[in-house]
Amino acid sequence: MELAFDSQALRTICESEVAARMSLGDAVADKLKHRLADIRAARSVEDLPVGRPHIWRDDGKHIAVELCDGQSLVFVANHTNNPITKAGILDWPKVSRIKIVRIGSEND
């Protein structure tokens, strides 16, 4: 999948191991590095092998992938025209472009 970021701060954390460790701690930064590699290698959310991808909000537009220590990586589809099913909902199996919108506790 192709990645984009909601902010420069998120981009920096995701692209710099030093920044990730300073911001998130060693354990979460290590998991983040592995999850990002998994996401880049996957064709869609359905191909993600670990992290228990799941709908984060009831709107069906946010997916959370677990990191560790209660932290998750949250993203949304990022196509110019996101794929939609006949039922009018986001067709996650066809999503190949995502935007990372947050890293943190799902309860925040």
PDB file of N, CA and C in Angstrom:
ATOM      1  N   MET A   1       0.843  -1.175   0.000  1.00  0.00           N
ATOM      2  CA  MET A   1       0.000   0.000   0.000  1.00  0.00           C
ATOM      3  C   MET A   1       0.889   1.238   0.000  1.00  0.00           C
ATOM      4  N   GLU A   2       0.354   2.303  -0.534  1.00  0.00           N
ATOM      5  CA  GLU A   2       1.051   3.590  -0.525  1.00  0.00           C
ATOM      6  C   GLU A   2       0.634   4.373   0.712  1.00  0.00           C
ATOM      7  N   LEU A   3       1.611   5.039   1.323  1.00  0.00           N
ATOM      8  CA  LEU A   3       1.366   5.777   2.559  1.00  0.00           C
ATOM      9  C   LEU A   3       1.438   7.282   2.352  1.00  0.00           C
ATOM     10  N   ALA A   4       0.568   7.980   3.070  1.00  0.00           N
ATOM     11  CA  ALA A   4       0.624   9.437   3.213  1.00  0.00           C
ATOM     12  C   ALA A   4       0.429   9.700   4.705  1.00  0.00           C
ATOM     13  N   PHE A   5       0.638  10.942   5.100  1.00  0.00           N
ATOM     14  CA  PHE A   5       0.580  11.278   6.515  1.00  0.00           C
ATOM     15  C   PHE A   5      -0.267  12.518   6.722  1.00  0.00           C
ATOM     16  N   ASP A   6      -1.019  12.533   7.816  1.00  0.00           N
ATOM     17  CA  ASP A   6      -1.911  13.644   8.123  1.00  0.00           C
ATOM     18  C   ASP A   6      -1.155  14.910   8.523  1.00  0.00           C
ATOM     19  N   SER A   7       0.071  14.736   9.006  1.00  0.00           N
ATOM     20  CA  SER A   7       0.857  15.895   9.432  1.00  0.00           C
ATOM     21  C   SER A   7       2.341  15.618   9.248  1.00  0.00           C
ATOM     22  N   GLN A   8       3.114  16.680   9.238  1.00  0.00           N
ATOM     23  CA  GLN A   8       4.565  16.547   9.150  1.00  0.00           C
ATOM     24  C   GLN A   8       5.105  15.824  10.384  1.00  0.00           C
ATOM     25  N   ALA A   9       4.503  16.071  11.543  1.00  0.00           N
ATOM     26  CA  ALA A   9       4.952  15.411  12.770  1.00  0.00           C
ATOM     27  C   ALA A   9       4.789  13.889  12.666  1.00  0.00           C
ATOM     28  N   LEU A  10       3.652  13.420  12.144  1.00  0.00           N
ATOM     29  CA  LEU A  10       3.448  11.981  11.963  1.00  0.00           C
ATOM     30  C   LEU A  10       4.445  11.419  10.953  1.00  0.00           C
ATOM     31  N   ARG A  11       4.670  12.145   9.872  1.00  0.00           N
ATOM     32  CA  ARG A  11       5.640  11.703   8.862  1.00  0.00           C
ATOM     33  C   ARG A  11       7.015  11.531   9.506  1.00  0.00           C
ATOM     34  N   THR A  12       7.419  12.501  10.301  1.00  0.00           N
ATOM     35  CA  THR A  12       8.733  12.446  10.940  1.00  0.00           C
ATOM     36  C   THR A  12       8.842  11.239  11.860  1.00  0.00           C
ATOM     37  N   ILE A  13       7.826  10.994  12.677  1.00  0.00           N
ATOM     38  CA  ILE A  13       7.837   9.845  13.588  1.00  0.00           C
ATOM     39  C   ILE A  13       7.902   8.538  12.809  1.00  0.00           C
ATOM     40  N   CYS A  14       7.169   8.462  11.710  1.00  0.00           N
ATOM     41  CA  CYS A  14       7.115   7.224  10.936  1.00  0.00           C
ATOM     42  C   CYS A  14       8.360   7.002  10.082  1.00  0.00           C
ATOM     43  N   GLU A  15       9.048   8.068   9.725  1.00  0.00           N
ATOM     44  CA  GLU A  15      10.207   7.928   8.843  1.00  0.00           C
ATOM     45  C   GLU A  15      11.543   8.018   9.566  1.00  0.00           C
ATOM     46  N   SER A  16      11.540   8.425  10.824  1.00  0.00           N
ATOM     47  CA  SER A  16      12.782   8.554  11.583  1.00  0.00           C
ATOM     48  C   SER A  16      12.709   7.685  12.834  1.00  0.00           C
ATOM     49  N   GLU A  17      13.569   6.673  12.878  1.00  0.00           N
ATOM     50  CA  GLU A  17      13.573   5.793  14.049  1.00  0.00           C
ATOM     51  C   GLU A  17      13.942   6.571  15.313  1.00  0.00           C
ATOM     52  N   VAL A  18      14.836   7.523  15.197  1.00  0.00           N
ATOM     53  CA  VAL A  18      15.239   8.336  16.346  1.00  0.00           C
ATOM     54  C   VAL A  18      14.044   9.135  16.857  1.00  0.00           C
ATOM     55  N   ALA A  19      13.318   9.783  15.950  1.00  0.00           N
ATOM     56  CA  ALA A  19      12.138  10.571  16.345  1.00  0.00           C
ATOM     57  C   ALA A  19      11.071   9.671  16.956  1.00  0.00           C
ATOM     58  N   ALA A  20      10.876   8.480  16.384  1.00  0.00           N
ATOM     59  CA  ALA A  20       9.880   7.547  16.916  1.00  0.00           C
ATOM     60  C   ALA A  20      10.251   7.113  18.326  1.00  0.00           C
ATOM     61  N   ARG A  21      11.508   6.795  18.553  1.00  0.00           N
ATOM     62  CA  ARG A  21      11.947   6.360  19.883  1.00  0.00           C
ATOM     63  C   ARG A  21      11.797   7.486  20.909  1.00  0.00           C
ATOM     64  N   MET A  22      12.123   8.706  20.503  1.00  0.00           N
ATOM     65  CA  MET A  22      11.995   9.844  21.416  1.00  0.00           C
ATOM     66  C   MET A  22      10.536  10.123  21.746  1.00  0.00           C
ATOM     67  N   SER A  23       9.657   9.998  20.769  1.00  0.00           N
ATOM     68  CA  SER A  23       8.254  10.329  20.950  1.00  0.00           C
ATOM     69  C   SER A  23       7.433   9.195  21.575  1.00  0.00           C
ATOM     70  N   LEU A  24       7.757   7.957  21.185  1.00  0.00           N
ATOM     71  CA  LEU A  24       6.905   6.827  21.548  1.00  0.00           C
ATOM     72  C   LEU A  24       7.540   5.838  22.515  1.00  0.00           C
ATOM     73  N   GLY A  25       8.840   5.885  22.670  1.00  0.00           N
ATOM     74  CA  GLY A  25       9.555   4.890  23.461  1.00  0.00           C
ATOM     75  C   GLY A  25      10.041   3.754  22.581  1.00  0.00           C
ATOM     76  N   ASP A  26      10.981   2.990  23.094  1.00  0.00           N
ATOM     77  CA  ASP A  26      11.632   1.948  22.298  1.00  0.00           C
ATOM     78  C   ASP A  26      10.684   0.852  21.822  1.00  0.00           C
ATOM     79  N   ALA A  27       9.862   0.324  22.716  1.00  0.00           N
ATOM     80  CA  ALA A  27       9.004  -0.811  22.359  1.00  0.00           C
ATOM     81  C   ALA A  27       7.990  -0.427  21.287  1.00  0.00           C
ATOM     82  N   VAL A  28       7.315   0.698  21.463  1.00  0.00           N
ATOM     83  CA  VAL A  28       6.305   1.135  20.495  1.00  0.00           C
ATOM     84  C   VAL A  28       6.980   1.498  19.172  1.00  0.00           C
ATOM     85  N   ALA A  29       8.131   2.159  19.227  1.00  0.00           N
ATOM     86  CA  ALA A  29       8.853   2.521  18.001  1.00  0.00           C
ATOM     87  C   ALA A  29       9.257   1.277  17.211  1.00  0.00           C
ATOM     88  N   ASP A  30       9.690   0.235  17.899  1.00  0.00           N
ATOM     89  CA  ASP A  30      10.050  -1.012  17.211  1.00  0.00           C
ATOM     90  C   ASP A  30       8.836  -1.622  16.510  1.00  0.00           C
ATOM     91  N   LYS A  31       7.719  -1.690  17.218  1.00  0.00           N
ATOM     92  CA  LYS A  31       6.494  -2.241  16.612  1.00  0.00           C
ATOM     93  C   LYS A  31       6.043  -1.387  15.437  1.00  0.00           C
ATOM     94  N   LEU A  32       6.120  -0.063  15.588  1.00  0.00           N
ATOM     95  CA  LEU A  32       5.728   0.848  14.512  1.00  0.00           C
ATOM     96  C   LEU A  32       6.540   0.563  13.255  1.00  0.00           C
ATOM     97  N   LYS A  33       7.842   0.413  13.405  1.00  0.00           N
ATOM     98  CA  LYS A  33       8.714   0.137  12.260  1.00  0.00           C
ATOM     99  C   LYS A  33       8.264  -1.128  11.530  1.00  0.00           C
ATOM    100  N   HIS A  34       7.945  -2.174  12.298  1.00  0.00           N
ATOM    101  CA  HIS A  34       7.516  -3.434  11.694  1.00  0.00           C
ATOM    102  C   HIS A  34       6.132  -3.323  11.053  1.00  0.00           C
ATOM    103  N   ARG A  35       5.214  -2.631  11.729  1.00  0.00           N
ATOM    104  CA  ARG A  35       3.866  -2.471  11.166  1.00  0.00           C
ATOM    105  C   ARG A  35       3.905  -1.665   9.863  1.00  0.00           C
ATOM    106  N   LEU A  36       4.718  -0.617   9.823  1.00  0.00           N
ATOM    107  CA  LEU A  36       4.829   0.184   8.602  1.00  0.00           C
ATOM    108  C   LEU A  36       5.382  -0.656   7.458  1.00  0.00           C
ATOM    109  N   ALA A  37       6.349  -1.510   7.747  1.00  0.00           N
ATOM    110  CA  ALA A  37       6.882  -2.405   6.712  1.00  0.00           C
ATOM    111  C   ALA A  37       5.795  -3.364   6.230  1.00  0.00           C
ATOM    112  N   ASP A  38       4.995  -3.902   7.165  1.00  0.00           N
ATOM    113  CA  ASP A  38       3.888  -4.792   6.798  1.00  0.00           C
ATOM    114  C   ASP A  38       2.879  -4.067   5.915  1.00  0.00           C
ATOM    115  N   ILE A  39       2.542  -2.835   6.282  1.00  0.00           N
ATOM    116  CA  ILE A  39       1.563  -2.050   5.521  1.00  0.00           C
ATOM    117  C   ILE A  39       2.086  -1.774   4.117  1.00  0.00           C
ATOM    118  N   ARG A  40       3.332  -1.359   4.005  1.00  0.00           N
ATOM    119  CA  ARG A  40       3.909  -1.072   2.681  1.00  0.00           C
ATOM    120  C   ARG A  40       3.918  -2.312   1.793  1.00  0.00           C
ATOM    121  N   ALA A  41       4.135  -3.480   2.384  1.00  0.00           N
ATOM    122  CA  ALA A  41       4.200  -4.722   1.617  1.00  0.00           C
ATOM    123  C   ALA A  41       2.823  -5.272   1.243  1.00  0.00           C
ATOM    124  N   ALA A  42       1.793  -4.876   1.982  1.00  0.00           N
ATOM    125  CA  ALA A  42       0.440  -5.410   1.752  1.00  0.00           C
ATOM    126  C   ALA A  42      -0.214  -4.755   0.534  1.00  0.00           C
ATOM    127  N   ARG A  43      -1.068  -5.504  -0.133  1.00  0.00           N
ATOM    128  CA  ARG A  43      -1.862  -4.946  -1.233  1.00  0.00           C
ATOM    129  C   ARG A  43      -3.113  -4.246  -0.716  1.00  0.00           C
ATOM    130  N   SER A  44      -3.632  -4.728   0.425  1.00  0.00           N
ATOM    131  CA  SER A  44      -4.813  -4.122   1.042  1.00  0.00           C
ATOM    132  C   SER A  44      -4.792  -4.447   2.532  1.00  0.00           C
ATOM    133  N   VAL A  45      -5.732  -3.890   3.261  1.00  0.00           N
ATOM    134  CA  VAL A  45      -5.834  -4.140   4.701  1.00  0.00           C
ATOM    135  C   VAL A  45      -5.999  -5.631   4.973  1.00  0.00           C
ATOM    136  N   GLU A  46      -6.699  -6.315   4.110  1.00  0.00           N
ATOM    137  CA  GLU A  46      -6.917  -7.749   4.299  1.00  0.00           C
ATOM    138  C   GLU A  46      -5.625  -8.549   4.256  1.00  0.00           C
ATOM    139  N   ASP A  47      -4.569  -8.004   3.663  1.00  0.00           N
ATOM    140  CA  ASP A  47      -3.292  -8.700   3.554  1.00  0.00           C
ATOM    141  C   ASP A  47      -2.384  -8.470   4.754  1.00  0.00           C
ATOM    142  N   LEU A  48      -2.801  -7.640   5.699  1.00  0.00           N
ATOM    143  CA  LEU A  48      -1.945  -7.366   6.856  1.00  0.00           C
ATOM    144  C   LEU A  48      -1.885  -8.605   7.743  1.00  0.00           C
ATOM    145  N   PRO A  49      -0.666  -9.123   7.970  1.00  0.00           N
ATOM    146  CA  PRO A  49      -0.536 -10.388   8.687  1.00  0.00           C
ATOM    147  C   PRO A  49      -0.647 -10.278  10.211  1.00  0.00           C
ATOM    148  N   VAL A  50      -0.352  -9.103  10.766  1.00  0.00           N
ATOM    149  CA  VAL A  50      -0.348  -8.945  12.221  1.00  0.00           C
ATOM    150  C   VAL A  50      -0.920  -7.581  12.593  1.00  0.00           C
ATOM    151  N   GLY A  51      -1.077  -7.350  13.875  1.00  0.00           N
ATOM    152  CA  GLY A  51      -1.552  -6.057  14.356  1.00  0.00           C
ATOM    153  C   GLY A  51      -3.048  -5.976  14.546  1.00  0.00           C
ATOM    154  N   ARG A  52      -3.743  -7.073  14.253  1.00  0.00           N
ATOM    155  CA  ARG A  52      -5.201  -7.123  14.435  1.00  0.00           C
ATOM    156  C   ARG A  52      -5.899  -5.899  13.847  1.00  0.00           C
ATOM    157  N   PRO A  53      -5.803  -5.691  12.524  1.00  0.00           N
ATOM    158  CA  PRO A  53      -6.486  -4.535  11.919  1.00  0.00           C
ATOM    159  C   PRO A  53      -7.991  -4.600  12.195  1.00  0.00           C
ATOM    160  N   HIS A  54      -8.548  -3.485  12.607  1.00  0.00           N
ATOM    161  CA  HIS A  54      -9.977  -3.449  12.911  1.00  0.00           C
ATOM    162  C   HIS A  54     -10.524  -2.033  12.731  1.00  0.00           C
ATOM    163  N   ILE A  55     -11.815  -1.953  12.534  1.00  0.00           N
ATOM    164  CA  ILE A  55     -12.485  -0.653  12.404  1.00  0.00           C
ATOM    165  C   ILE A  55     -12.327   0.066  13.731  1.00  0.00           C
ATOM    166  N   TRP A  56     -11.828   1.300  13.677  1.00  0.00           N
ATOM    167  CA  TRP A  56     -11.560   2.051  14.896  1.00  0.00           C
ATOM    168  C   TRP A  56     -12.761   2.860  15.338  1.00  0.00           C
ATOM    169  N   ARG A  57     -13.447   3.452  14.428  1.00  0.00           N
ATOM    170  CA  ARG A  57     -14.639   4.232  14.763  1.00  0.00           C
ATOM    171  C   ARG A  57     -15.829   3.632  14.037  1.00  0.00           C
ATOM    172  N   ASP A  58     -17.001   3.893  14.533  1.00  0.00           N
ATOM    173  CA  ASP A  58     -18.204   3.331  13.942  1.00  0.00           C
ATOM    174  C   ASP A  58     -18.473   3.824  12.527  1.00  0.00           C
ATOM    175  N   ASP A  59     -17.772   4.852  12.074  1.00  0.00           N
ATOM    176  CA  ASP A  59     -18.017   5.376  10.733  1.00  0.00           C
ATOM    177  C   ASP A  59     -17.472   4.460   9.639  1.00  0.00           C
ATOM    178  N   GLY A  60     -16.644   3.459   9.995  1.00  0.00           N
ATOM    179  CA  GLY A  60     -16.087   2.525   9.023  1.00  0.00           C
ATOM    180  C   GLY A  60     -14.973   3.115   8.182  1.00  0.00           C
ATOM    181  N   LYS A  61     -14.559   4.329   8.492  1.00  0.00           N
ATOM    182  CA  LYS A  61     -13.541   5.003   7.691  1.00  0.00           C
ATOM    183  C   LYS A  61     -12.159   4.959   8.323  1.00  0.00           C
ATOM    184  N   HIS A  62     -12.059   4.524   9.560  1.00  0.00           N
ATOM    185  CA  HIS A  62     -10.775   4.473  10.267  1.00  0.00           C
ATOM    186  C   HIS A  62     -10.436   3.031  10.613  1.00  0.00           C
ATOM    187  N   ILE A  63      -9.201   2.635  10.286  1.00  0.00           N
ATOM    188  CA  ILE A  63      -8.707   1.313  10.659  1.00  0.00           C
ATOM    189  C   ILE A  63      -7.583   1.510  11.674  1.00  0.00           C
ATOM    190  N   ALA A  64      -7.601   0.719  12.728  1.00  0.00           N
ATOM    191  CA  ALA A  64      -6.523   0.744  13.724  1.00  0.00           C
ATOM    192  C   ALA A  64      -5.741  -0.562  13.630  1.00  0.00           C
ATOM    193  N   VAL A  65      -4.430  -0.434  13.761  1.00  0.00           N
ATOM    194  CA  VAL A  65      -3.540  -1.582  13.809  1.00  0.00           C
ATOM    195  C   VAL A  65      -2.791  -1.486  15.136  1.00  0.00           C
ATOM    196  N   GLU A  66      -2.858  -2.532  15.923  1.00  0.00           N
ATOM    197  CA  GLU A  66      -2.231  -2.522  17.238  1.00  0.00           C
ATOM    198  C   GLU A  66      -0.717  -2.497  17.129  1.00  0.00           C
ATOM    199  N   LEU A  67      -0.098  -1.705  17.987  1.00  0.00           N
ATOM    200  CA  LEU A  67       1.356  -1.674  18.107  1.00  0.00           C
ATOM    201  C   LEU A  67       1.714  -2.462  19.359  1.00  0.00           C
ATOM    202  N   CYS A  68       1.823  -1.799  20.508  1.00  0.00           N
ATOM    203  CA  CYS A  68       2.003  -2.456  21.813  1.00  0.00           C
ATOM    204  C   CYS A  68       1.761  -1.426  22.899  1.00  0.00           C
ATOM    205  N   ASP A  69       1.754  -1.857  24.124  1.00  0.00           N
ATOM    206  CA  ASP A  69       1.555  -0.967  25.269  1.00  0.00           C
ATOM    207  C   ASP A  69       0.295  -0.107  25.129  1.00  0.00           C
ATOM    208  N   GLY A  70      -0.756  -0.678  24.514  1.00  0.00           N
ATOM    209  CA  GLY A  70      -2.020   0.032  24.359  1.00  0.00           C
ATOM    210  C   GLY A  70      -2.034   1.067  23.246  1.00  0.00           C
ATOM    211  N   GLN A  71      -0.984   1.118  22.458  1.00  0.00           N
ATOM    212  CA  GLN A  71      -0.883   2.104  21.372  1.00  0.00           C
ATOM    213  C   GLN A  71      -1.266   1.470  20.037  1.00  0.00           C
ATOM    214  N   SER A  72      -1.857   2.274  19.170  1.00  0.00           N
ATOM    215  CA  SER A  72      -2.263   1.815  17.846  1.00  0.00           C
ATOM    216  C   SER A  72      -1.911   2.853  16.795  1.00  0.00           C
ATOM    217  N   LEU A  73      -1.797   2.381  15.571  1.00  0.00           N
ATOM    218  CA  LEU A  73      -1.606   3.210  14.396  1.00  0.00           C
ATOM    219  C   LEU A  73      -2.959   3.269  13.706  1.00  0.00           C
ATOM    220  N   VAL A  74      -3.461   4.475  13.442  1.00  0.00           N
ATOM    221  CA  VAL A  74      -4.787   4.629  12.849  1.00  0.00           C
ATOM    222  C   VAL A  74      -4.645   5.285  11.481  1.00  0.00           C
ATOM    223  N   PHE A  75      -5.377   4.743  10.496  1.00  0.00           N
ATOM    224  CA  PHE A  75      -5.315   5.311   9.158  1.00  0.00           C
ATOM    225  C   PHE A  75      -6.681   5.307   8.485  1.00  0.00           C
ATOM    226  N   VAL A  76      -6.770   6.080   7.410  1.00  0.00           N
ATOM    227  CA  VAL A  76      -7.979   6.181   6.589  1.00  0.00           C
ATOM    228  C   VAL A  76      -7.588   5.904   5.143  1.00  0.00           C
ATOM    229  N   ALA A  77      -8.562   5.602   4.301  1.00  0.00           N
ATOM    230  CA  ALA A  77      -8.316   5.441   2.869  1.00  0.00           C
ATOM    231  C   ALA A  77      -7.925   6.798   2.293  1.00  0.00           C
ATOM    232  N   ASN A  78      -7.062   6.776   1.274  1.00  0.00           N
ATOM    233  CA  ASN A  78      -6.537   8.029   0.748  1.00  0.00           C
ATOM    234  C   ASN A  78      -6.513   8.064  -0.776  1.00  0.00           C
ATOM    235  N   HIS A  79      -7.542   7.525  -1.406  1.00  0.00           N
ATOM    236  CA  HIS A  79      -7.663   7.614  -2.861  1.00  0.00           C
ATOM    237  C   HIS A  79      -8.366   8.926  -3.210  1.00  0.00           C
ATOM    238  N   THR A  80      -8.141   9.427  -4.412  1.00  0.00           N
ATOM    239  CA  THR A  80      -8.875  10.605  -4.862  1.00  0.00           C
ATOM    240  C   THR A  80     -10.368  10.309  -4.808  1.00  0.00           C
ATOM    241  N   ASN A  81     -10.747   9.136  -5.282  1.00  0.00           N
ATOM    242  CA  ASN A  81     -12.119   8.633  -5.172  1.00  0.00           C
ATOM    243  C   ASN A  81     -12.031   7.274  -4.497  1.00  0.00           C
ATOM    244  N   ASN A  82     -12.304   7.242  -3.199  1.00  0.00           N
ATOM    245  CA  ASN A  82     -12.192   5.990  -2.456  1.00  0.00           C
ATOM    246  C   ASN A  82     -13.161   4.949  -2.997  1.00  0.00           C
ATOM    247  N   PRO A  83     -12.724   3.675  -3.078  1.00  0.00           N
ATOM    248  CA  PRO A  83     -13.620   2.631  -3.578  1.00  0.00           C
ATOM    249  C   PRO A  83     -14.788   2.406  -2.617  1.00  0.00           C
ATOM    250  N   ILE A  84     -15.964   2.346  -3.182  1.00  0.00           N
ATOM    251  CA  ILE A  84     -17.200   2.191  -2.406  1.00  0.00           C
ATOM    252  C   ILE A  84     -17.939   0.952  -2.910  1.00  0.00           C
ATOM    253  N   THR A  85     -18.507   0.186  -1.982  1.00  0.00           N
ATOM    254  CA  THR A  85     -19.287  -0.989  -2.360  1.00  0.00           C
ATOM    255  C   THR A  85     -20.658  -0.550  -2.885  1.00  0.00           C
ATOM    256  N   LYS A  86     -21.407  -1.497  -3.431  1.00  0.00           N
ATOM    257  CA  LYS A  86     -22.765  -1.212  -3.892  1.00  0.00           C
ATOM    258  C   LYS A  86     -23.656  -0.764  -2.741  1.00  0.00           C
ATOM    259  N   ALA A  87     -23.311  -1.189  -1.524  1.00  0.00           N
ATOM    260  CA  ALA A  87     -24.078  -0.800  -0.332  1.00  0.00           C
ATOM    261  C   ALA A  87     -23.714   0.609   0.141  1.00  0.00           C
ATOM    262  N   GLY A  88     -22.726   1.222  -0.526  1.00  0.00           N
ATOM    263  CA  GLY A  88     -22.368   2.593  -0.186  1.00  0.00           C
ATOM    264  C   GLY A  88     -21.355   2.740   0.933  1.00  0.00           C
ATOM    265  N   ILE A  89     -20.657   1.650   1.279  1.00  0.00           N
ATOM    266  CA  ILE A  89     -19.640   1.737   2.322  1.00  0.00           C
ATOM    267  C   ILE A  89     -18.249   1.598   1.706  1.00  0.00           C
ATOM    268  N   LEU A  90     -17.257   2.033   2.433  1.00  0.00           N
ATOM    269  CA  LEU A  90     -15.879   1.968   1.954  1.00  0.00           C
ATOM    270  C   LEU A  90     -15.490   0.516   1.699  1.00  0.00           C
ATOM    271  N   ASP A  91     -14.932   0.248   0.532  1.00  0.00           N
ATOM    272  CA  ASP A  91     -14.546  -1.104   0.133  1.00  0.00           C
ATOM    273  C   ASP A  91     -13.078  -1.335   0.497  1.00  0.00           C
ATOM    274  N   TRP A  92     -12.815  -1.639   1.760  1.00  0.00           N
ATOM    275  CA  TRP A  92     -11.449  -1.766   2.264  1.00  0.00           C
ATOM    276  C   TRP A  92     -10.587  -2.751   1.476  1.00  0.00           C
ATOM    277  N   PRO A  93     -11.102  -3.877   1.009  1.00  0.00           N
ATOM    278  CA  PRO A  93     -10.240  -4.783   0.225  1.00  0.00           C
ATOM    279  C   PRO A  93      -9.672  -4.138  -1.047  1.00  0.00           C
ATOM    280  N   LYS A  94     -10.281  -3.080  -1.534  1.00  0.00           N
ATOM    281  CA  LYS A  94      -9.800  -2.408  -2.743  1.00  0.00           C
ATOM    282  C   LYS A  94      -8.954  -1.168  -2.437  1.00  0.00           C
ATOM    283  N   VAL A  95      -8.780  -0.853  -1.167  1.00  0.00           N
ATOM    284  CA  VAL A  95      -7.991   0.320  -0.786  1.00  0.00           C
ATOM    285  C   VAL A  95      -6.503  -0.034  -0.858  1.00  0.00           C
ATOM    286  N   SER A  96      -5.753   0.755  -1.608  1.00  0.00           N
ATOM    287  CA  SER A  96      -4.312   0.534  -1.730  1.00  0.00           C
ATOM    288  C   SER A  96      -3.512   1.783  -1.358  1.00  0.00           C
ATOM    289  N   ARG A  97      -4.207   2.856  -1.038  1.00  0.00           N
ATOM    290  CA  ARG A  97      -3.571   4.110  -0.623  1.00  0.00           C
ATOM    291  C   ARG A  97      -4.189   4.530   0.703  1.00  0.00           C
ATOM    292  N   ILE A  98      -3.332   4.757   1.708  1.00  0.00           N
ATOM    293  CA  ILE A  98      -3.847   5.143   3.018  1.00  0.00           C
ATOM    294  C   ILE A  98      -3.136   6.388   3.528  1.00  0.00           C
ATOM    295  N   LYS A  99      -3.802   7.056   4.474  1.00  0.00           N
ATOM    296  CA  LYS A  99      -3.194   8.196   5.162  1.00  0.00           C
ATOM    297  C   LYS A  99      -3.201   7.898   6.651  1.00  0.00           C
ATOM    298  N   ILE A 100      -2.023   7.937   7.254  1.00  0.00           N
ATOM    299  CA  ILE A 100      -1.893   7.730   8.698  1.00  0.00           C
ATOM    300  C   ILE A 100      -2.345   8.999   9.390  1.00  0.00           C
ATOM    301  N   VAL A 101      -3.313   8.854  10.304  1.00  0.00           N
ATOM    302  CA  VAL A 101      -3.890  10.037  10.945  1.00  0.00           C
ATOM    303  C   VAL A 101      -3.543  10.160  12.434  1.00  0.00           C
ATOM    304  N   ARG A 102      -3.089   9.056  13.053  1.00  0.00           N
ATOM    305  CA  ARG A 102      -2.713   9.172  14.460  1.00  0.00           C
ATOM    306  C   ARG A 102      -1.966   7.941  14.925  1.00  0.00           C
ATOM    307  N   ILE A 103      -1.192   8.141  15.963  1.00  0.00           N
ATOM    308  CA  ILE A 103      -0.563   7.061  16.715  1.00  0.00           C
ATOM    309  C   ILE A 103      -0.848   7.376  18.174  1.00  0.00           C
ATOM    310  N   GLY A 104      -1.464   6.433  18.853  1.00  0.00           N
ATOM    311  CA  GLY A 104      -1.799   6.674  20.250  1.00  0.00           C
ATOM    312  C   GLY A 104      -2.741   5.618  20.770  1.00  0.00           C
ATOM    313  N   SER A 105      -3.242   5.853  21.963  1.00  0.00           N
ATOM    314  CA  SER A 105      -4.208   4.958  22.569  1.00  0.00           C
ATOM    315  C   SER A 105      -5.546   5.099  21.859  1.00  0.00           C
ATOM    316  N   GLU A 106      -6.198   4.000  21.619  1.00  0.00           N
ATOM    317  CA  GLU A 106      -7.504   4.053  20.949  1.00  0.00           C
ATOM    318  C   GLU A 106      -8.552   4.715  21.837  1.00  0.00           C
ATOM    319  N   ASN A 107      -8.301   4.834  23.131  1.00  0.00           N
ATOM    320  CA  ASN A 107      -9.255   5.441  24.052  1.00  0.00           C
ATOM    321  C   ASN A 107      -9.102   6.941  24.178  1.00  0.00           C
ATOM    322  N   ASP A 108      -8.035   7.506  23.581  1.00  0.00           N
ATOM    323  CA  ASP A 108      -7.809   8.965  23.667  1.00  0.00           C
ATOM    324  C   ASP A 108      -8.819   9.713  22.830  1.00  0.00           C
TER     325      ASP A 108
END
